[in-house]
Amino acid sequence: MAAFFQAPASNTFSATFSICAGAARTNRVVDGDNSWFRGEKIRIADIDTPELSPPRCVREAQLGEAAKRRLNSLLNAGSFSLSAGWRDEDQYGRKLRTVYRDRQSLGGILVSEGLARRWEESRRSWCD
């Protein structure tokens, strides 16, 4: 895997996540690159996944649901670390973090499985 997706672990956490439903804001996966963890909304900083609210086409909806389920599975597979990048928050107040397990980016796993793209400061269509 490319060095872009590898980094030293910092703070290690373990939690049980579920798919977001309702108003609960603790340990919930919203979509393939957003989750709630300990009451804070986290945006996975190194990837972009298909949108679910709203999807722009059937393909984006299908990939978005798959990315959401896979992120939930990855977060529940064991302890993980969160690493802040060059910016702490985005314009929506979400904490920007890269999520690692055993020095491997969980976002990088989603990229390798075709469920995400590396974040490049702009979105590209998933409908092409």
N, C-alpha and C. Protein backbone atom coordinates (compact mmCIF):
# COMPACT_ATOMS: atom_id res chain seq x y z
N MET A 1 0.85 -1.18 0.00
CA MET A 1 0.00 0.00 0.00
C MET A 1 0.89 1.23 0.00
N ALA A 2 0.45 2.28 -0.64
CA ALA A 2 1.22 3.51 -0.78
C ALA A 2 1.48 4.16 0.57
N ALA A 3 2.60 4.87 0.67
CA ALA A 3 2.96 5.54 1.92
C ALA A 3 1.93 6.57 2.33
N PHE A 4 1.17 7.10 1.39
CA PHE A 4 0.13 8.08 1.70
C PHE A 4 -0.83 7.53 2.76
N PHE A 5 -1.03 6.23 2.78
CA PHE A 5 -2.00 5.62 3.67
C PHE A 5 -1.36 5.00 4.91
N GLN A 6 -0.10 5.27 5.19
CA GLN A 6 0.56 4.72 6.36
C GLN A 6 1.10 5.83 7.23
N ALA A 7 0.97 5.67 8.52
CA ALA A 7 1.47 6.67 9.46
C ALA A 7 1.60 6.04 10.83
N PRO A 8 2.40 6.65 11.69
CA PRO A 8 2.52 6.12 13.04
C PRO A 8 1.22 6.32 13.81
N ALA A 9 0.92 5.37 14.67
CA ALA A 9 -0.27 5.49 15.51
C ALA A 9 -0.03 6.52 16.60
N SER A 10 -1.08 7.21 16.99
CA SER A 10 -0.97 8.18 18.08
C SER A 10 -1.87 7.72 19.22
N ASN A 11 -3.08 8.22 19.31
CA ASN A 11 -4.00 7.85 20.36
C ASN A 11 -4.85 6.67 19.90
N THR A 12 -4.98 5.65 20.75
CA THR A 12 -5.69 4.44 20.37
C THR A 12 -7.02 4.35 21.09
N PHE A 13 -8.06 4.00 20.34
CA PHE A 13 -9.41 3.90 20.87
C PHE A 13 -10.03 2.56 20.46
N SER A 14 -11.06 2.19 21.17
CA SER A 14 -11.86 1.03 20.81
C SER A 14 -13.30 1.37 21.15
N ALA A 15 -14.21 1.07 20.25
CA ALA A 15 -15.62 1.37 20.47
C ALA A 15 -16.46 0.48 19.57
N THR A 16 -17.72 0.38 19.91
CA THR A 16 -18.68 -0.33 19.08
C THR A 16 -19.50 0.71 18.32
N PHE A 17 -19.50 0.59 17.01
CA PHE A 17 -20.21 1.53 16.14
C PHE A 17 -21.45 0.85 15.55
N SER A 18 -22.43 1.66 15.21
CA SER A 18 -23.61 1.19 14.49
C SER A 18 -23.91 2.19 13.38
N ILE A 19 -24.76 1.79 12.48
CA ILE A 19 -25.18 2.68 11.39
C ILE A 19 -26.09 3.75 11.99
N CYS A 20 -25.87 4.98 11.59
CA CYS A 20 -26.60 6.12 12.13
C CYS A 20 -28.09 6.02 11.80
N ALA A 21 -28.90 6.14 12.83
CA ALA A 21 -30.35 6.18 12.68
C ALA A 21 -30.89 7.00 13.84
N GLY A 22 -31.70 7.98 13.55
CA GLY A 22 -32.24 8.81 14.62
C GLY A 22 -31.27 9.88 15.06
N ALA A 23 -31.49 10.39 16.25
CA ALA A 23 -30.73 11.54 16.74
C ALA A 23 -29.50 11.17 17.55
N ALA A 24 -29.22 9.90 17.76
CA ALA A 24 -28.06 9.50 18.57
C ALA A 24 -26.77 10.02 17.95
N ARG A 25 -25.88 10.53 18.78
CA ARG A 25 -24.64 11.13 18.30
C ARG A 25 -23.41 10.48 18.93
N THR A 26 -23.51 9.21 19.27
CA THR A 26 -22.38 8.52 19.87
C THR A 26 -22.07 7.26 19.08
N ASN A 27 -20.87 7.19 18.55
CA ASN A 27 -20.35 6.01 17.87
C ASN A 27 -21.31 5.48 16.79
N ARG A 28 -21.57 6.35 15.83
CA ARG A 28 -22.46 6.03 14.72
C ARG A 28 -21.77 6.34 13.40
N VAL A 29 -21.94 5.48 12.42
CA VAL A 29 -21.43 5.73 11.07
C VAL A 29 -22.55 6.39 10.27
N VAL A 30 -22.25 7.57 9.73
CA VAL A 30 -23.23 8.34 8.96
C VAL A 30 -23.18 7.92 7.49
N ASP A 31 -21.98 7.87 6.94
CA ASP A 31 -21.76 7.43 5.57
C ASP A 31 -20.32 6.93 5.48
N GLY A 32 -19.80 6.76 4.28
CA GLY A 32 -18.48 6.16 4.12
C GLY A 32 -17.32 6.99 4.61
N ASP A 33 -17.52 8.31 4.83
CA ASP A 33 -16.42 9.13 5.32
C ASP A 33 -16.81 10.05 6.48
N ASN A 34 -17.96 9.82 7.09
CA ASN A 34 -18.41 10.61 8.25
C ASN A 34 -18.95 9.69 9.33
N SER A 35 -18.59 10.01 10.57
CA SER A 35 -19.12 9.25 11.70
C SER A 35 -19.19 10.16 12.92
N TRP A 36 -19.93 9.70 13.89
CA TRP A 36 -19.95 10.34 15.21
C TRP A 36 -19.13 9.45 16.13
N PHE A 37 -18.21 10.05 16.89
CA PHE A 37 -17.40 9.31 17.85
C PHE A 37 -17.30 10.13 19.12
N ARG A 38 -17.82 9.57 20.19
CA ARG A 38 -17.81 10.24 21.49
C ARG A 38 -18.41 11.64 21.42
N GLY A 39 -19.48 11.79 20.66
CA GLY A 39 -20.19 13.06 20.59
C GLY A 39 -19.63 14.07 19.60
N GLU A 40 -18.55 13.72 18.91
CA GLU A 40 -17.97 14.63 17.91
C GLU A 40 -18.15 14.04 16.51
N LYS A 41 -18.49 14.91 15.56
CA LYS A 41 -18.61 14.45 14.18
C LYS A 41 -17.23 14.44 13.55
N ILE A 42 -16.86 13.29 13.02
CA ILE A 42 -15.54 13.07 12.42
C ILE A 42 -15.70 12.91 10.92
N ARG A 43 -14.90 13.66 10.16
CA ARG A 43 -14.82 13.51 8.70
C ARG A 43 -13.49 12.84 8.42
N ILE A 44 -13.49 11.68 7.79
CA ILE A 44 -12.24 10.99 7.48
C ILE A 44 -11.51 11.82 6.43
N ALA A 45 -10.34 12.31 6.81
CA ALA A 45 -9.65 13.36 6.06
C ALA A 45 -8.99 12.89 4.77
N ASP A 46 -8.62 11.63 4.67
CA ASP A 46 -7.81 11.21 3.52
C ASP A 46 -8.62 10.61 2.37
N ILE A 47 -9.95 10.60 2.48
CA ILE A 47 -10.76 9.99 1.43
C ILE A 47 -12.01 10.81 1.11
N ASP A 48 -12.63 10.45 -0.01
CA ASP A 48 -13.95 10.94 -0.39
C ASP A 48 -14.75 9.72 -0.81
N THR A 49 -15.96 9.59 -0.28
CA THR A 49 -16.82 8.46 -0.64
C THR A 49 -18.09 8.98 -1.30
N PRO A 50 -18.83 8.11 -1.97
CA PRO A 50 -20.07 8.52 -2.62
C PRO A 50 -21.06 9.12 -1.62
N GLU A 51 -21.79 10.12 -2.08
CA GLU A 51 -22.77 10.81 -1.24
C GLU A 51 -24.05 9.98 -1.10
N LEU A 52 -24.65 10.08 0.07
CA LEU A 52 -25.93 9.43 0.33
C LEU A 52 -27.06 10.42 0.54
N SER A 53 -26.73 11.68 0.77
CA SER A 53 -27.74 12.71 1.08
C SER A 53 -27.63 13.91 0.18
N PRO A 54 -28.19 13.92 -0.94
CA PRO A 54 -28.76 12.79 -1.68
C PRO A 54 -27.75 12.25 -2.69
N PRO A 55 -27.88 10.99 -3.06
CA PRO A 55 -27.04 10.47 -4.14
C PRO A 55 -27.50 11.08 -5.46
N ARG A 56 -26.58 11.22 -6.40
CA ARG A 56 -26.90 11.84 -7.69
C ARG A 56 -27.30 10.82 -8.75
N CYS A 57 -27.10 9.53 -8.45
CA CYS A 57 -27.47 8.48 -9.39
C CYS A 57 -27.55 7.15 -8.63
N VAL A 58 -28.05 6.13 -9.28
CA VAL A 58 -28.19 4.82 -8.65
C VAL A 58 -26.83 4.26 -8.26
N ARG A 59 -25.84 4.40 -9.12
CA ARG A 59 -24.50 3.88 -8.83
C ARG A 59 -23.93 4.54 -7.57
N GLU A 60 -24.08 5.86 -7.44
CA GLU A 60 -23.57 6.54 -6.26
C GLU A 60 -24.29 6.04 -5.00
N ALA A 61 -25.59 5.83 -5.08
CA ALA A 61 -26.35 5.32 -3.93
C ALA A 61 -25.86 3.94 -3.52
N GLN A 62 -25.64 3.06 -4.49
CA GLN A 62 -25.18 1.71 -4.19
C GLN A 62 -23.79 1.71 -3.58
N LEU A 63 -22.86 2.47 -4.20
CA LEU A 63 -21.50 2.55 -3.67
C LEU A 63 -21.48 3.22 -2.30
N GLY A 64 -22.30 4.25 -2.13
CA GLY A 64 -22.36 4.95 -0.85
C GLY A 64 -22.83 4.05 0.28
N GLU A 65 -23.85 3.24 0.02
CA GLU A 65 -24.33 2.30 1.04
C GLU A 65 -23.26 1.25 1.35
N ALA A 66 -22.59 0.76 0.32
CA ALA A 66 -21.53 -0.22 0.53
C ALA A 66 -20.38 0.38 1.34
N ALA A 67 -20.00 1.62 1.04
CA ALA A 67 -18.92 2.29 1.78
C ALA A 67 -19.31 2.50 3.24
N LYS A 68 -20.55 2.86 3.48
CA LYS A 68 -21.04 3.07 4.85
C LYS A 68 -20.97 1.76 5.64
N ARG A 69 -21.46 0.68 5.06
CA ARG A 69 -21.43 -0.62 5.74
C ARG A 69 -20.00 -1.08 5.98
N ARG A 70 -19.13 -0.86 5.00
CA ARG A 70 -17.74 -1.30 5.14
C ARG A 70 -17.01 -0.48 6.21
N LEU A 71 -17.23 0.84 6.26
CA LEU A 71 -16.61 1.64 7.31
C LEU A 71 -17.09 1.17 8.68
N ASN A 72 -18.37 0.88 8.82
CA ASN A 72 -18.89 0.37 10.08
C ASN A 72 -18.17 -0.92 10.47
N SER A 73 -18.00 -1.81 9.52
CA SER A 73 -17.30 -3.07 9.75
C SER A 73 -15.84 -2.84 10.16
N LEU A 74 -15.16 -1.94 9.46
CA LEU A 74 -13.75 -1.66 9.77
C LEU A 74 -13.60 -1.05 11.16
N LEU A 75 -14.47 -0.11 11.52
CA LEU A 75 -14.37 0.51 12.84
C LEU A 75 -14.65 -0.49 13.96
N ASN A 76 -15.49 -1.46 13.70
CA ASN A 76 -15.83 -2.46 14.71
C ASN A 76 -14.85 -3.63 14.77
N ALA A 77 -13.87 -3.65 13.88
CA ALA A 77 -12.94 -4.77 13.80
C ALA A 77 -11.82 -4.72 14.84
N GLY A 78 -11.74 -3.66 15.63
CA GLY A 78 -10.69 -3.59 16.65
C GLY A 78 -10.32 -2.16 16.95
N SER A 79 -9.28 -2.01 17.75
CA SER A 79 -8.86 -0.67 18.15
C SER A 79 -8.33 0.11 16.94
N PHE A 80 -8.40 1.43 17.04
CA PHE A 80 -7.97 2.30 15.95
C PHE A 80 -7.39 3.57 16.55
N SER A 81 -6.67 4.31 15.72
CA SER A 81 -6.08 5.59 16.11
C SER A 81 -6.64 6.68 15.22
N LEU A 82 -6.72 7.89 15.78
CA LEU A 82 -7.14 9.07 15.03
C LEU A 82 -5.98 10.03 14.96
N SER A 83 -5.72 10.55 13.78
CA SER A 83 -4.63 11.49 13.58
C SER A 83 -5.14 12.74 12.90
N ALA A 84 -4.87 13.90 13.50
CA ALA A 84 -5.26 15.18 12.90
C ALA A 84 -4.26 15.53 11.81
N GLY A 85 -4.74 16.21 10.80
CA GLY A 85 -3.88 16.65 9.71
C GLY A 85 -3.49 18.09 9.86
N TRP A 86 -3.36 18.77 8.74
CA TRP A 86 -2.92 20.17 8.76
C TRP A 86 -4.03 21.10 9.21
N ARG A 87 -5.27 20.64 9.21
CA ARG A 87 -6.41 21.44 9.66
C ARG A 87 -7.23 20.61 10.65
N ASP A 88 -7.66 21.22 11.75
CA ASP A 88 -8.40 20.48 12.77
C ASP A 88 -9.85 20.23 12.37
N GLU A 89 -10.50 21.22 11.74
CA GLU A 89 -11.91 21.11 11.37
C GLU A 89 -12.14 21.61 9.95
N ASP A 90 -13.23 21.12 9.36
CA ASP A 90 -13.63 21.64 8.05
C ASP A 90 -14.64 22.77 8.24
N GLN A 91 -15.14 23.30 7.13
CA GLN A 91 -16.06 24.44 7.19
C GLN A 91 -17.40 24.09 7.83
N TYR A 92 -17.69 22.81 8.03
CA TYR A 92 -18.94 22.38 8.65
C TYR A 92 -18.77 22.04 10.13
N GLY A 93 -17.58 22.26 10.66
CA GLY A 93 -17.31 21.98 12.07
C GLY A 93 -16.99 20.53 12.38
N ARG A 94 -16.80 19.72 11.34
CA ARG A 94 -16.43 18.32 11.56
C ARG A 94 -14.94 18.23 11.84
N LYS A 95 -14.55 17.38 12.77
CA LYS A 95 -13.14 17.13 13.04
C LYS A 95 -12.56 16.34 11.87
N LEU A 96 -11.46 16.82 11.32
CA LEU A 96 -10.80 16.14 10.21
C LEU A 96 -9.75 15.19 10.78
N ARG A 97 -9.95 13.91 10.58
CA ARG A 97 -9.05 12.90 11.14
C ARG A 97 -8.81 11.80 10.13
N THR A 98 -7.60 11.25 10.16
CA THR A 98 -7.30 10.03 9.44
C THR A 98 -7.39 8.91 10.47
N VAL A 99 -8.01 7.82 10.09
CA VAL A 99 -8.24 6.70 11.00
C VAL A 99 -7.28 5.57 10.62
N TYR A 100 -6.53 5.08 11.61
CA TYR A 100 -5.53 4.04 11.37
C TYR A 100 -5.77 2.83 12.25
N ARG A 101 -5.39 1.69 11.74
CA ARG A 101 -5.27 0.47 12.54
C ARG A 101 -3.95 -0.18 12.11
N ASP A 102 -3.13 -0.46 13.09
CA ASP A 102 -1.82 -1.08 12.79
C ASP A 102 -1.08 -0.31 11.71
N ARG A 103 -1.09 1.01 11.82
CA ARG A 103 -0.38 1.93 10.93
C ARG A 103 -0.93 1.97 9.51
N GLN A 104 -2.08 1.38 9.28
CA GLN A 104 -2.70 1.39 7.95
C GLN A 104 -3.98 2.22 8.01
N SER A 105 -4.15 3.11 7.06
CA SER A 105 -5.34 3.95 6.98
C SER A 105 -6.57 3.12 6.63
N LEU A 106 -7.62 3.27 7.43
CA LEU A 106 -8.88 2.60 7.08
C LEU A 106 -9.45 3.20 5.80
N GLY A 107 -9.22 4.49 5.59
CA GLY A 107 -9.62 5.12 4.34
C GLY A 107 -8.90 4.48 3.16
N GLY A 108 -7.63 4.17 3.34
CA GLY A 108 -6.85 3.51 2.29
C GLY A 108 -7.42 2.15 1.94
N ILE A 109 -7.95 1.46 2.94
CA ILE A 109 -8.60 0.17 2.68
C ILE A 109 -9.83 0.39 1.80
N LEU A 110 -10.63 1.41 2.14
CA LEU A 110 -11.81 1.71 1.32
C LEU A 110 -11.42 2.07 -0.12
N VAL A 111 -10.32 2.82 -0.28
CA VAL A 111 -9.84 3.16 -1.63
C VAL A 111 -9.45 1.88 -2.37
N SER A 112 -8.70 1.01 -1.72
CA SER A 112 -8.24 -0.22 -2.39
C SER A 112 -9.41 -1.13 -2.78
N GLU A 113 -10.54 -1.00 -2.08
CA GLU A 113 -11.72 -1.81 -2.39
C GLU A 113 -12.67 -1.12 -3.37
N GLY A 114 -12.30 0.07 -3.85
CA GLY A 114 -13.12 0.79 -4.82
C GLY A 114 -14.31 1.51 -4.22
N LEU A 115 -14.34 1.67 -2.89
CA LEU A 115 -15.46 2.32 -2.21
C LEU A 115 -15.17 3.77 -1.84
N ALA A 116 -13.97 4.23 -2.14
CA ALA A 116 -13.57 5.62 -1.84
C ALA A 116 -12.48 6.02 -2.82
N ARG A 117 -12.21 7.32 -2.83
CA ARG A 117 -11.08 7.89 -3.59
C ARG A 117 -10.23 8.67 -2.62
N ARG A 118 -8.97 8.80 -2.95
CA ARG A 118 -8.11 9.69 -2.16
C ARG A 118 -8.68 11.10 -2.22
N TRP A 119 -8.67 11.79 -1.08
CA TRP A 119 -9.18 13.17 -1.03
C TRP A 119 -8.21 14.09 -1.73
N GLU A 120 -8.70 14.88 -2.67
CA GLU A 120 -7.85 15.79 -3.44
C GLU A 120 -8.38 17.21 -3.42
N GLU A 121 -9.06 17.62 -2.36
CA GLU A 121 -9.58 18.98 -2.18
C GLU A 121 -10.75 19.33 -3.10
N SER A 122 -11.25 18.38 -3.85
CA SER A 122 -12.46 18.63 -4.64
C SER A 122 -13.15 17.29 -4.91
N ARG A 123 -14.42 17.35 -5.10
CA ARG A 123 -15.20 16.14 -5.36
C ARG A 123 -15.30 15.88 -6.86
N ARG A 124 -15.31 14.60 -7.19
CA ARG A 124 -15.56 14.18 -8.56
C ARG A 124 -16.82 13.33 -8.56
N SER A 125 -17.48 13.29 -9.67
CA SER A 125 -18.73 12.54 -9.78
C SER A 125 -18.48 11.03 -9.66
N TRP A 126 -19.39 10.37 -8.98
CA TRP A 126 -19.40 8.91 -8.91
C TRP A 126 -20.35 8.34 -9.96
N CYS A 127 -20.95 9.19 -10.75
CA CYS A 127 -21.99 8.76 -11.70
C CYS A 127 -21.46 8.58 -13.12
N ASP A 128 -20.20 8.85 -13.35
CA ASP A 128 -19.63 8.75 -14.71
C ASP A 128 -19.32 7.31 -15.07
